[in-house]
Amino acid sequence: MAQAIEGQSLQVRASEAAERYAHAAFDLALEGKALEVLEKDFATFDAALAESADLRTALKSPLIAADEKSRALVAVAQKLGLSELGRNIIGLTAKNGRAIDLPGVASAFRARLAKHRGSAQVEVISARPLDQKQLDSILAGVSKALGGKVDAVTRVDESLIGGFIVRAGSRQFDASLKSKLASLKLALKTA
């Protein structure tokens, strides 16, 4: 399953705390047969974070008390139409002073869900939004290279100029025009 995240994003590497929250969220969603619902909730919340600089600032602000931040984020989650489970996870994470870890929780949850489904989690970053045929072609190649099924999160980064980058764990496949131009510039400098 591919999901799109546009705009700027917060760091999405999962901290130890984010991993623990994601593990608990996964277990609750599995028990409640709500894995897909929670996956959609995290995607919706990530999209809202990507679109709203104010929301990202509030998430990171140490000046907002954890209880106040929790209430505000739950209100945002409710306005976004997130499930009760999604709202509760966001609220509890924020109430415990870990609001900044929410993108990492979402990322770790997606990775755990991909593993549960028997596939790997990859991020596809492109210069322009990809149509389904392009994404399917990229994922087929990545799937072959990794030797298994893949789930993808897509993101647009116009600074790439053209092409795309695929990140799969610690591996990165870079087919962007930006990196090719950088390589050419380096080659010209050393010539």
N, C-alpha and C. Protein backbone atom coordinates (compact mmCIF):
# COMPACT_ATOMS: atom_id res chain seq x y z
N MET A 1 0.85 -1.18 0.00
CA MET A 1 0.00 0.00 0.00
C MET A 1 0.89 1.23 0.00
N ALA A 2 0.60 2.17 -0.86
CA ALA A 2 1.37 3.40 -0.92
C ALA A 2 0.54 4.53 -0.36
N GLN A 3 1.19 5.41 0.36
CA GLN A 3 0.50 6.59 0.85
C GLN A 3 1.37 7.80 0.59
N ALA A 4 0.73 8.91 0.34
CA ALA A 4 1.46 10.12 -0.02
C ALA A 4 1.58 11.06 1.16
N ILE A 5 2.75 11.64 1.28
CA ILE A 5 3.01 12.68 2.26
C ILE A 5 3.70 13.80 1.51
N GLU A 6 3.06 14.96 1.46
CA GLU A 6 3.64 16.07 0.72
C GLU A 6 4.07 17.15 1.69
N GLY A 7 4.91 18.07 1.20
CA GLY A 7 5.36 19.19 2.00
C GLY A 7 6.52 18.81 2.88
N GLN A 8 6.85 19.71 3.80
CA GLN A 8 7.96 19.46 4.70
C GLN A 8 7.57 18.41 5.72
N SER A 9 8.53 17.64 6.14
CA SER A 9 8.22 16.66 7.16
C SER A 9 9.18 16.82 8.34
N LEU A 10 8.74 16.36 9.49
CA LEU A 10 9.60 16.32 10.66
C LEU A 10 10.50 15.10 10.52
N GLN A 11 11.53 15.06 11.32
CA GLN A 11 12.39 13.89 11.29
C GLN A 11 11.53 12.67 11.61
N VAL A 12 11.65 11.61 10.81
CA VAL A 12 10.80 10.44 11.01
C VAL A 12 11.58 9.22 11.48
N ARG A 13 12.78 9.39 11.91
CA ARG A 13 13.49 8.26 12.50
C ARG A 13 12.88 8.01 13.87
N ALA A 14 12.58 6.78 14.13
CA ALA A 14 11.90 6.44 15.38
C ALA A 14 12.91 6.32 16.52
N SER A 15 12.65 7.08 17.58
CA SER A 15 13.45 6.96 18.79
C SER A 15 13.02 5.69 19.53
N GLU A 16 13.72 5.37 20.59
CA GLU A 16 13.33 4.20 21.39
C GLU A 16 11.92 4.37 21.93
N ALA A 17 11.61 5.59 22.38
CA ALA A 17 10.28 5.86 22.91
C ALA A 17 9.24 5.70 21.80
N ALA A 18 9.53 6.23 20.63
CA ALA A 18 8.59 6.11 19.50
C ALA A 18 8.37 4.65 19.15
N GLU A 19 9.42 3.86 19.19
CA GLU A 19 9.29 2.42 18.93
C GLU A 19 8.36 1.76 19.95
N ARG A 20 8.50 2.13 21.23
CA ARG A 20 7.64 1.55 22.27
C ARG A 20 6.18 1.95 22.06
N TYR A 21 5.94 3.23 21.77
CA TYR A 21 4.57 3.68 21.52
C TYR A 21 3.99 2.98 20.28
N ALA A 22 4.80 2.85 19.24
CA ALA A 22 4.34 2.18 18.01
C ALA A 22 4.01 0.72 18.29
N HIS A 23 4.84 0.06 19.10
CA HIS A 23 4.60 -1.33 19.46
C HIS A 23 3.27 -1.46 20.20
N ALA A 24 3.04 -0.58 21.16
CA ALA A 24 1.79 -0.61 21.91
C ALA A 24 0.60 -0.31 21.00
N ALA A 25 0.75 0.69 20.12
CA ALA A 25 -0.33 1.04 19.19
C ALA A 25 -0.65 -0.12 18.26
N PHE A 26 0.40 -0.78 17.78
CA PHE A 26 0.21 -1.94 16.90
C PHE A 26 -0.56 -3.04 17.62
N ASP A 27 -0.13 -3.34 18.84
CA ASP A 27 -0.80 -4.40 19.61
C ASP A 27 -2.26 -4.07 19.86
N LEU A 28 -2.56 -2.82 20.21
CA LEU A 28 -3.95 -2.41 20.43
C LEU A 28 -4.77 -2.51 19.14
N ALA A 29 -4.18 -2.05 18.04
CA ALA A 29 -4.89 -2.09 16.76
C ALA A 29 -5.10 -3.54 16.30
N LEU A 30 -4.11 -4.39 16.51
CA LEU A 30 -4.23 -5.80 16.14
C LEU A 30 -5.34 -6.46 16.95
N GLU A 31 -5.32 -6.21 18.25
CA GLU A 31 -6.34 -6.78 19.14
C GLU A 31 -7.74 -6.28 18.77
N GLY A 32 -7.84 -5.01 18.39
CA GLY A 32 -9.12 -4.43 18.03
C GLY A 32 -9.47 -4.55 16.56
N LYS A 33 -8.67 -5.30 15.82
CA LYS A 33 -8.87 -5.47 14.37
C LYS A 33 -8.99 -4.11 13.66
N ALA A 34 -8.07 -3.21 14.02
CA ALA A 34 -8.12 -1.85 13.49
C ALA A 34 -6.78 -1.43 12.88
N LEU A 35 -6.01 -2.38 12.37
CA LEU A 35 -4.70 -2.04 11.80
C LEU A 35 -4.83 -1.06 10.64
N GLU A 36 -5.75 -1.32 9.72
CA GLU A 36 -5.90 -0.44 8.56
C GLU A 36 -6.43 0.93 8.97
N VAL A 37 -7.32 0.93 9.96
CA VAL A 37 -7.88 2.20 10.46
C VAL A 37 -6.77 3.05 11.06
N LEU A 38 -5.92 2.45 11.89
CA LEU A 38 -4.84 3.20 12.52
C LEU A 38 -3.79 3.62 11.48
N GLU A 39 -3.56 2.76 10.49
CA GLU A 39 -2.64 3.12 9.41
C GLU A 39 -3.15 4.38 8.70
N LYS A 40 -4.43 4.43 8.43
CA LYS A 40 -5.04 5.60 7.78
C LYS A 40 -4.97 6.82 8.70
N ASP A 41 -5.22 6.62 10.00
CA ASP A 41 -5.13 7.72 10.96
C ASP A 41 -3.73 8.35 10.95
N PHE A 42 -2.71 7.50 11.01
CA PHE A 42 -1.34 8.03 11.01
C PHE A 42 -1.04 8.75 9.70
N ALA A 43 -1.51 8.22 8.58
CA ALA A 43 -1.27 8.88 7.29
C ALA A 43 -1.96 10.24 7.25
N THR A 44 -3.18 10.32 7.75
CA THR A 44 -3.92 11.58 7.78
C THR A 44 -3.21 12.60 8.68
N PHE A 45 -2.77 12.15 9.84
CA PHE A 45 -2.07 13.05 10.77
C PHE A 45 -0.74 13.50 10.18
N ASP A 46 0.00 12.59 9.55
CA ASP A 46 1.27 12.95 8.90
C ASP A 46 1.03 13.99 7.80
N ALA A 47 -0.03 13.82 7.03
CA ALA A 47 -0.35 14.77 5.96
C ALA A 47 -0.66 16.14 6.55
N ALA A 48 -1.40 16.17 7.66
CA ALA A 48 -1.71 17.44 8.32
C ALA A 48 -0.43 18.11 8.82
N LEU A 49 0.48 17.32 9.37
CA LEU A 49 1.77 17.87 9.82
C LEU A 49 2.56 18.44 8.65
N ALA A 50 2.55 17.74 7.54
CA ALA A 50 3.29 18.19 6.37
C ALA A 50 2.73 19.49 5.82
N GLU A 51 1.42 19.68 5.93
CA GLU A 51 0.76 20.87 5.37
C GLU A 51 0.80 22.07 6.29
N SER A 52 0.87 21.86 7.59
CA SER A 52 0.72 22.96 8.54
C SER A 52 2.00 23.25 9.32
N ALA A 53 2.60 24.39 9.01
CA ALA A 53 3.79 24.82 9.74
C ALA A 53 3.43 25.11 11.20
N ASP A 54 2.23 25.64 11.44
CA ASP A 54 1.80 25.93 12.81
C ASP A 54 1.68 24.65 13.63
N LEU A 55 1.16 23.60 13.03
CA LEU A 55 1.02 22.33 13.73
C LEU A 55 2.40 21.74 14.05
N ARG A 56 3.33 21.83 13.09
CA ARG A 56 4.69 21.34 13.34
C ARG A 56 5.35 22.13 14.46
N THR A 57 5.16 23.45 14.47
CA THR A 57 5.74 24.30 15.50
C THR A 57 5.16 23.94 16.87
N ALA A 58 3.85 23.76 16.94
CA ALA A 58 3.21 23.40 18.20
C ALA A 58 3.71 22.04 18.70
N LEU A 59 3.89 21.12 17.79
CA LEU A 59 4.37 19.78 18.14
C LEU A 59 5.76 19.85 18.78
N LYS A 60 6.61 20.72 18.25
CA LYS A 60 7.99 20.82 18.72
C LYS A 60 8.18 21.76 19.90
N SER A 61 7.22 22.64 20.16
CA SER A 61 7.40 23.70 21.15
C SER A 61 7.52 23.18 22.58
N PRO A 62 8.63 23.53 23.24
CA PRO A 62 8.76 23.16 24.65
C PRO A 62 8.00 24.13 25.56
N LEU A 63 7.47 25.21 24.99
CA LEU A 63 6.76 26.21 25.78
C LEU A 63 5.30 25.84 26.06
N ILE A 64 4.79 24.86 25.32
CA ILE A 64 3.41 24.42 25.52
C ILE A 64 3.43 23.21 26.45
N ALA A 65 2.69 23.31 27.54
CA ALA A 65 2.63 22.22 28.53
C ALA A 65 2.08 20.95 27.88
N ALA A 66 2.55 19.81 28.36
CA ALA A 66 2.18 18.53 27.77
C ALA A 66 0.66 18.31 27.78
N ASP A 67 -0.01 18.65 28.90
CA ASP A 67 -1.47 18.47 28.96
C ASP A 67 -2.18 19.34 27.94
N GLU A 68 -1.74 20.59 27.82
CA GLU A 68 -2.34 21.52 26.85
C GLU A 68 -2.08 21.05 25.42
N LYS A 69 -0.86 20.59 25.17
CA LYS A 69 -0.50 20.08 23.84
C LYS A 69 -1.35 18.85 23.50
N SER A 70 -1.54 17.99 24.49
CA SER A 70 -2.35 16.79 24.29
C SER A 70 -3.78 17.15 23.90
N ARG A 71 -4.39 18.09 24.64
CA ARG A 71 -5.76 18.50 24.34
C ARG A 71 -5.85 19.10 22.93
N ALA A 72 -4.88 19.93 22.58
CA ALA A 72 -4.89 20.57 21.26
C ALA A 72 -4.73 19.54 20.15
N LEU A 73 -3.81 18.59 20.31
CA LEU A 73 -3.59 17.58 19.28
C LEU A 73 -4.79 16.63 19.13
N VAL A 74 -5.44 16.32 20.25
CA VAL A 74 -6.63 15.49 20.18
C VAL A 74 -7.74 16.23 19.44
N ALA A 75 -7.85 17.54 19.69
CA ALA A 75 -8.86 18.35 18.98
C ALA A 75 -8.57 18.37 17.48
N VAL A 76 -7.29 18.51 17.13
CA VAL A 76 -6.90 18.48 15.71
C VAL A 76 -7.22 17.11 15.13
N ALA A 77 -6.88 16.06 15.85
CA ALA A 77 -7.14 14.69 15.38
C ALA A 77 -8.63 14.45 15.19
N GLN A 78 -9.44 14.99 16.10
CA GLN A 78 -10.89 14.83 15.97
C GLN A 78 -11.39 15.57 14.75
N LYS A 79 -10.87 16.78 14.52
CA LYS A 79 -11.27 17.57 13.36
C LYS A 79 -10.86 16.86 12.05
N LEU A 80 -9.75 16.13 12.10
CA LEU A 80 -9.28 15.37 10.93
C LEU A 80 -10.09 14.10 10.70
N GLY A 81 -10.93 13.73 11.68
CA GLY A 81 -11.76 12.54 11.53
C GLY A 81 -11.06 11.25 11.91
N LEU A 82 -10.04 11.35 12.77
CA LEU A 82 -9.32 10.15 13.19
C LEU A 82 -10.19 9.30 14.11
N SER A 83 -9.90 8.02 14.13
CA SER A 83 -10.64 7.08 14.98
C SER A 83 -10.35 7.38 16.45
N GLU A 84 -11.17 6.81 17.31
CA GLU A 84 -10.96 6.98 18.75
C GLU A 84 -9.58 6.45 19.15
N LEU A 85 -9.19 5.31 18.61
CA LEU A 85 -7.88 4.75 18.92
C LEU A 85 -6.77 5.71 18.48
N GLY A 86 -6.87 6.24 17.28
CA GLY A 86 -5.87 7.19 16.79
C GLY A 86 -5.78 8.43 17.66
N ARG A 87 -6.93 8.98 18.04
CA ARG A 87 -6.96 10.16 18.91
C ARG A 87 -6.35 9.84 20.27
N ASN A 88 -6.67 8.67 20.82
CA ASN A 88 -6.14 8.29 22.12
C ASN A 88 -4.62 8.13 22.09
N ILE A 89 -4.10 7.53 21.03
CA ILE A 89 -2.65 7.33 20.93
C ILE A 89 -1.95 8.68 20.81
N ILE A 90 -2.48 9.56 19.98
CA ILE A 90 -1.88 10.89 19.82
C ILE A 90 -1.95 11.65 21.14
N GLY A 91 -3.11 11.60 21.78
CA GLY A 91 -3.28 12.31 23.06
C GLY A 91 -2.37 11.79 24.15
N LEU A 92 -2.27 10.48 24.29
CA LEU A 92 -1.43 9.89 25.34
C LEU A 92 0.05 10.18 25.07
N THR A 93 0.46 10.06 23.82
CA THR A 93 1.85 10.34 23.47
C THR A 93 2.20 11.78 23.83
N ALA A 94 1.33 12.71 23.48
CA ALA A 94 1.57 14.12 23.79
C ALA A 94 1.51 14.38 25.30
N LYS A 95 0.54 13.77 25.98
CA LYS A 95 0.39 13.97 27.42
C LYS A 95 1.63 13.51 28.18
N ASN A 96 2.29 12.47 27.65
CA ASN A 96 3.51 11.95 28.28
C ASN A 96 4.76 12.71 27.84
N GLY A 97 4.58 13.86 27.19
CA GLY A 97 5.72 14.69 26.80
C GLY A 97 6.47 14.19 25.58
N ARG A 98 5.83 13.38 24.77
CA ARG A 98 6.48 12.78 23.60
C ARG A 98 5.83 13.20 22.28
N ALA A 99 5.19 14.35 22.25
CA ALA A 99 4.52 14.80 21.02
C ALA A 99 5.49 14.87 19.85
N ILE A 100 6.71 15.29 20.11
CA ILE A 100 7.71 15.41 19.04
C ILE A 100 8.01 14.06 18.42
N ASP A 101 7.72 12.98 19.14
CA ASP A 101 7.97 11.63 18.63
C ASP A 101 6.83 11.09 17.77
N LEU A 102 5.73 11.82 17.62
CA LEU A 102 4.59 11.30 16.86
C LEU A 102 4.93 10.89 15.43
N PRO A 103 5.72 11.68 14.68
CA PRO A 103 6.09 11.20 13.34
C PRO A 103 6.89 9.89 13.39
N GLY A 104 7.74 9.75 14.40
CA GLY A 104 8.50 8.51 14.57
C GLY A 104 7.60 7.34 14.96
N VAL A 105 6.58 7.62 15.76
CA VAL A 105 5.61 6.58 16.13
C VAL A 105 4.91 6.09 14.87
N ALA A 106 4.48 7.04 14.04
CA ALA A 106 3.79 6.67 12.79
C ALA A 106 4.70 5.86 11.88
N SER A 107 5.95 6.29 11.77
CA SER A 107 6.91 5.59 10.92
C SER A 107 7.18 4.18 11.44
N ALA A 108 7.39 4.05 12.75
CA ALA A 108 7.65 2.73 13.34
C ALA A 108 6.42 1.84 13.24
N PHE A 109 5.23 2.42 13.37
CA PHE A 109 4.00 1.65 13.20
C PHE A 109 3.90 1.10 11.78
N ARG A 110 4.18 1.96 10.78
CA ARG A 110 4.12 1.51 9.37
C ARG A 110 5.13 0.41 9.11
N ALA A 111 6.33 0.53 9.68
CA ALA A 111 7.35 -0.50 9.50
C ALA A 111 6.90 -1.82 10.13
N ARG A 112 6.31 -1.74 11.32
CA ARG A 112 5.82 -2.94 12.00
C ARG A 112 4.67 -3.58 11.22
N LEU A 113 3.79 -2.74 10.67
CA LEU A 113 2.67 -3.22 9.88
C LEU A 113 3.16 -3.89 8.60
N ALA A 114 4.16 -3.28 7.95
CA ALA A 114 4.72 -3.87 6.74
C ALA A 114 5.31 -5.24 7.04
N LYS A 115 6.03 -5.33 8.15
CA LYS A 115 6.62 -6.62 8.55
C LYS A 115 5.52 -7.64 8.83
N HIS A 116 4.46 -7.20 9.49
CA HIS A 116 3.32 -8.07 9.79
C HIS A 116 2.70 -8.60 8.49
N ARG A 117 2.68 -7.76 7.47
CA ARG A 117 2.11 -8.15 6.18
C ARG A 117 3.11 -8.94 5.32
N GLY A 118 4.33 -9.05 5.81
CA GLY A 118 5.35 -9.80 5.07
C GLY A 118 6.04 -8.96 4.00
N SER A 119 6.09 -7.67 4.21
CA SER A 119 6.75 -6.80 3.23
C SER A 119 7.68 -5.82 3.94
N ALA A 120 8.47 -5.11 3.17
CA ALA A 120 9.40 -4.11 3.70
C ALA A 120 8.82 -2.72 3.50
N GLN A 121 9.14 -1.80 4.41
CA GLN A 121 8.68 -0.41 4.32
C GLN A 121 9.74 0.40 3.57
N VAL A 122 9.33 1.10 2.52
CA VAL A 122 10.24 1.96 1.78
C VAL A 122 9.63 3.35 1.64
N GLU A 123 10.49 4.33 1.46
CA GLU A 123 10.07 5.71 1.21
C GLU A 123 10.51 6.07 -0.20
N VAL A 124 9.57 6.55 -1.00
CA VAL A 124 9.87 6.99 -2.36
C VAL A 124 9.72 8.50 -2.39
N ILE A 125 10.82 9.19 -2.67
CA ILE A 125 10.82 10.65 -2.73
C ILE A 125 11.03 11.03 -4.18
N SER A 126 10.10 11.80 -4.74
CA SER A 126 10.19 12.18 -6.14
C SER A 126 10.10 13.69 -6.30
N ALA A 127 10.56 14.16 -7.46
CA ALA A 127 10.53 15.59 -7.74
C ALA A 127 9.10 16.07 -7.99
N ARG A 128 8.26 15.20 -8.50
CA ARG A 128 6.85 15.51 -8.78
C ARG A 128 6.01 14.33 -8.30
N PRO A 129 4.72 14.57 -8.07
CA PRO A 129 3.87 13.43 -7.68
C PRO A 129 3.90 12.34 -8.75
N LEU A 130 3.98 11.10 -8.32
CA LEU A 130 4.03 9.97 -9.23
C LEU A 130 2.63 9.45 -9.50
N ASP A 131 2.37 9.06 -10.75
CA ASP A 131 1.10 8.40 -11.01
C ASP A 131 1.26 6.93 -10.61
N GLN A 132 0.16 6.20 -10.56
CA GLN A 132 0.19 4.83 -10.06
C GLN A 132 1.08 3.92 -10.92
N LYS A 133 1.09 4.14 -12.23
CA LYS A 133 1.91 3.31 -13.12
C LYS A 133 3.40 3.52 -12.82
N GLN A 134 3.81 4.76 -12.62
CA GLN A 134 5.21 5.06 -12.31
C GLN A 134 5.59 4.44 -10.96
N LEU A 135 4.73 4.62 -9.97
CA LEU A 135 5.00 4.07 -8.64
C LEU A 135 5.09 2.55 -8.68
N ASP A 136 4.17 1.92 -9.40
CA ASP A 136 4.19 0.46 -9.51
C ASP A 136 5.48 -0.02 -10.17
N SER A 137 5.96 0.71 -11.18
CA SER A 137 7.20 0.35 -11.86
C SER A 137 8.40 0.46 -10.91
N ILE A 138 8.45 1.54 -10.15
CA ILE A 138 9.54 1.74 -9.18
C ILE A 138 9.49 0.64 -8.12
N LEU A 139 8.30 0.38 -7.59
CA LEU A 139 8.17 -0.62 -6.53
C LEU A 139 8.49 -2.02 -7.01
N ALA A 140 8.21 -2.31 -8.28
CA ALA A 140 8.56 -3.62 -8.84
C ALA A 140 10.07 -3.79 -8.84
N GLY A 141 10.78 -2.75 -9.25
CA GLY A 141 12.25 -2.80 -9.25
C GLY A 141 12.83 -2.92 -7.85
N VAL A 142 12.28 -2.15 -6.92
CA VAL A 142 12.74 -2.20 -5.53
C VAL A 142 12.43 -3.56 -4.92
N SER A 143 11.26 -4.06 -5.20
CA SER A 143 10.86 -5.38 -4.70
C SER A 143 11.83 -6.45 -5.18
N LYS A 144 12.22 -6.36 -6.45
CA LYS A 144 13.17 -7.32 -7.01
C LYS A 144 14.54 -7.18 -6.35
N ALA A 145 14.98 -5.92 -6.15
CA ALA A 145 16.29 -5.67 -5.53
C ALA A 145 16.33 -6.14 -4.08
N LEU A 146 15.22 -5.98 -3.37
CA LEU A 146 15.18 -6.37 -1.96
C LEU A 146 14.77 -7.82 -1.75
N GLY A 147 14.23 -8.43 -2.81
CA GLY A 147 13.84 -9.83 -2.71
C GLY A 147 12.57 -10.08 -1.93
N GLY A 148 11.62 -9.17 -2.00
CA GLY A 148 10.35 -9.37 -1.30
C GLY A 148 9.38 -8.24 -1.59
N LYS A 149 8.18 -8.35 -1.03
CA LYS A 149 7.16 -7.33 -1.21
C LYS A 149 7.56 -6.05 -0.48
N VAL A 150 7.07 -4.91 -0.98
CA VAL A 150 7.34 -3.63 -0.33
C VAL A 150 6.06 -2.82 -0.18
N ASP A 151 5.97 -2.08 0.91
CA ASP A 151 4.95 -1.07 1.13
C ASP A 151 5.66 0.27 1.02
N ALA A 152 5.02 1.24 0.39
CA ALA A 152 5.69 2.51 0.15
C ALA A 152 4.95 3.70 0.74
N VAL A 153 5.73 4.64 1.22
CA VAL A 153 5.27 5.96 1.58
C VAL A 153 5.90 6.88 0.55
N THR A 154 5.09 7.74 -0.07
CA THR A 154 5.64 8.64 -1.08
C THR A 154 5.67 10.06 -0.56
N ARG A 155 6.67 10.82 -1.03
CA ARG A 155 6.81 12.21 -0.65
C ARG A 155 7.37 12.98 -1.83
N VAL A 156 6.98 14.23 -1.98
CA VAL A 156 7.47 15.08 -3.06
C VAL A 156 8.53 16.02 -2.51
N ASP A 157 9.67 16.11 -3.19
CA ASP A 157 10.74 17.05 -2.86
C ASP A 157 11.20 17.68 -4.17
N GLU A 158 10.70 18.87 -4.44
CA GLU A 158 10.98 19.53 -5.72
C GLU A 158 12.47 19.86 -5.92
N SER A 159 13.25 19.87 -4.84
CA SER A 159 14.68 20.17 -4.97
C SER A 159 15.43 19.06 -5.72
N LEU A 160 14.81 17.91 -5.91
CA LEU A 160 15.44 16.81 -6.65
C LEU A 160 15.53 17.13 -8.15
N ILE A 161 14.79 18.10 -8.61
CA ILE A 161 14.72 18.56 -9.99
C ILE A 161 13.99 17.54 -10.87
N GLY A 162 14.39 16.31 -10.82
CA GLY A 162 13.78 15.23 -11.59
C GLY A 162 14.20 13.91 -10.99
N GLY A 163 13.51 12.85 -11.34
CA GLY A 163 13.88 11.52 -10.86
C GLY A 163 13.30 11.24 -9.47
N PHE A 164 13.96 10.32 -8.76
CA PHE A 164 13.44 9.89 -7.46
C PHE A 164 14.55 9.28 -6.62
N ILE A 165 14.26 9.14 -5.33
CA ILE A 165 15.13 8.46 -4.37
C ILE A 165 14.24 7.45 -3.64
N VAL A 166 14.76 6.25 -3.44
CA VAL A 166 14.05 5.24 -2.66
C VAL A 166 14.91 4.91 -1.46
N ARG A 167 14.32 5.00 -0.27
CA ARG A 167 15.01 4.63 0.97
C ARG A 167 14.34 3.40 1.53
N ALA A 168 15.14 2.38 1.75
CA ALA A 168 14.66 1.13 2.33
C ALA A 168 15.59 0.78 3.48
N GLY A 169 15.19 1.15 4.70
CA GLY A 169 16.05 0.94 5.85
C GLY A 169 17.32 1.75 5.71
N SER A 170 18.47 1.09 5.78
CA SER A 170 19.74 1.80 5.65
C SER A 170 20.20 1.90 4.20
N ARG A 171 19.45 1.32 3.27
CA ARG A 171 19.81 1.36 1.85
C ARG A 171 19.10 2.52 1.16
N GLN A 172 19.78 3.10 0.20
CA GLN A 172 19.19 4.19 -0.57
C GLN A 172 19.52 4.00 -2.05
N PHE A 173 18.50 4.11 -2.88
CA PHE A 173 18.66 4.05 -4.32
C PHE A 173 18.36 5.45 -4.85
N ASP A 174 19.38 6.11 -5.41
CA ASP A 174 19.23 7.50 -5.82
C ASP A 174 19.26 7.62 -7.33
N ALA A 175 18.13 7.94 -7.91
CA ALA A 175 18.02 8.14 -9.35
C ALA A 175 17.52 9.56 -9.61
N SER A 176 17.99 10.51 -8.79
CA SER A 176 17.53 11.89 -8.93
C SER A 176 18.48 12.68 -9.82
N LEU A 177 17.93 13.65 -10.48
CA LEU A 177 18.72 14.53 -11.33
C LEU A 177 19.67 15.38 -10.49
N LYS A 178 19.24 15.74 -9.29
CA LYS A 178 20.07 16.53 -8.39
C LYS A 178 21.39 15.81 -8.08
N SER A 179 21.34 14.53 -7.76
CA SER A 179 22.56 13.79 -7.43
C SER A 179 23.42 13.57 -8.67
N LYS A 180 22.78 13.37 -9.82
CA LYS A 180 23.55 13.20 -11.05
C LYS A 180 24.29 14.48 -11.41
N LEU A 181 23.64 15.63 -11.20
CA LEU A 181 24.30 16.91 -11.45
C LEU A 181 25.44 17.14 -10.46
N ALA A 182 25.25 16.75 -9.21
CA ALA A 182 26.30 16.88 -8.21
C ALA A 182 27.50 16.01 -8.57
N SER A 183 27.25 14.79 -9.06
CA SER A 183 28.33 13.91 -9.48
C SER A 183 29.09 14.49 -10.67
N LEU A 184 28.34 15.03 -11.60
CA LEU A 184 28.95 15.65 -12.78
C LEU A 184 29.80 16.85 -12.38
N LYS A 185 29.29 17.66 -11.45
CA LYS A 185 30.04 18.83 -10.97
C LYS A 185 31.34 18.40 -10.31
N LEU A 186 31.28 17.35 -9.50
CA LEU A 186 32.48 16.83 -8.84
C LEU A 186 33.46 16.29 -9.87
N ALA A 187 32.97 15.59 -10.87
CA ALA A 187 33.84 15.05 -11.92
C ALA A 187 34.53 16.19 -12.69
N LEU A 188 33.80 17.26 -12.95
CA LEU A 188 34.38 18.39 -13.67
C LEU A 188 35.43 19.11 -12.83
N LYS A 189 35.22 19.17 -11.52
CA LYS A 189 36.19 19.81 -10.63
C LYS A 189 37.50 19.01 -10.57
N THR A 190 37.40 17.70 -10.61
CA THR A 190 38.60 16.85 -10.48
C THR A 190 39.30 16.64 -11.83
N ALA A 191 38.65 17.04 -12.91
CA ALA A 191 39.24 16.83 -14.24
C ALA A 191 40.25 17.90 -14.57
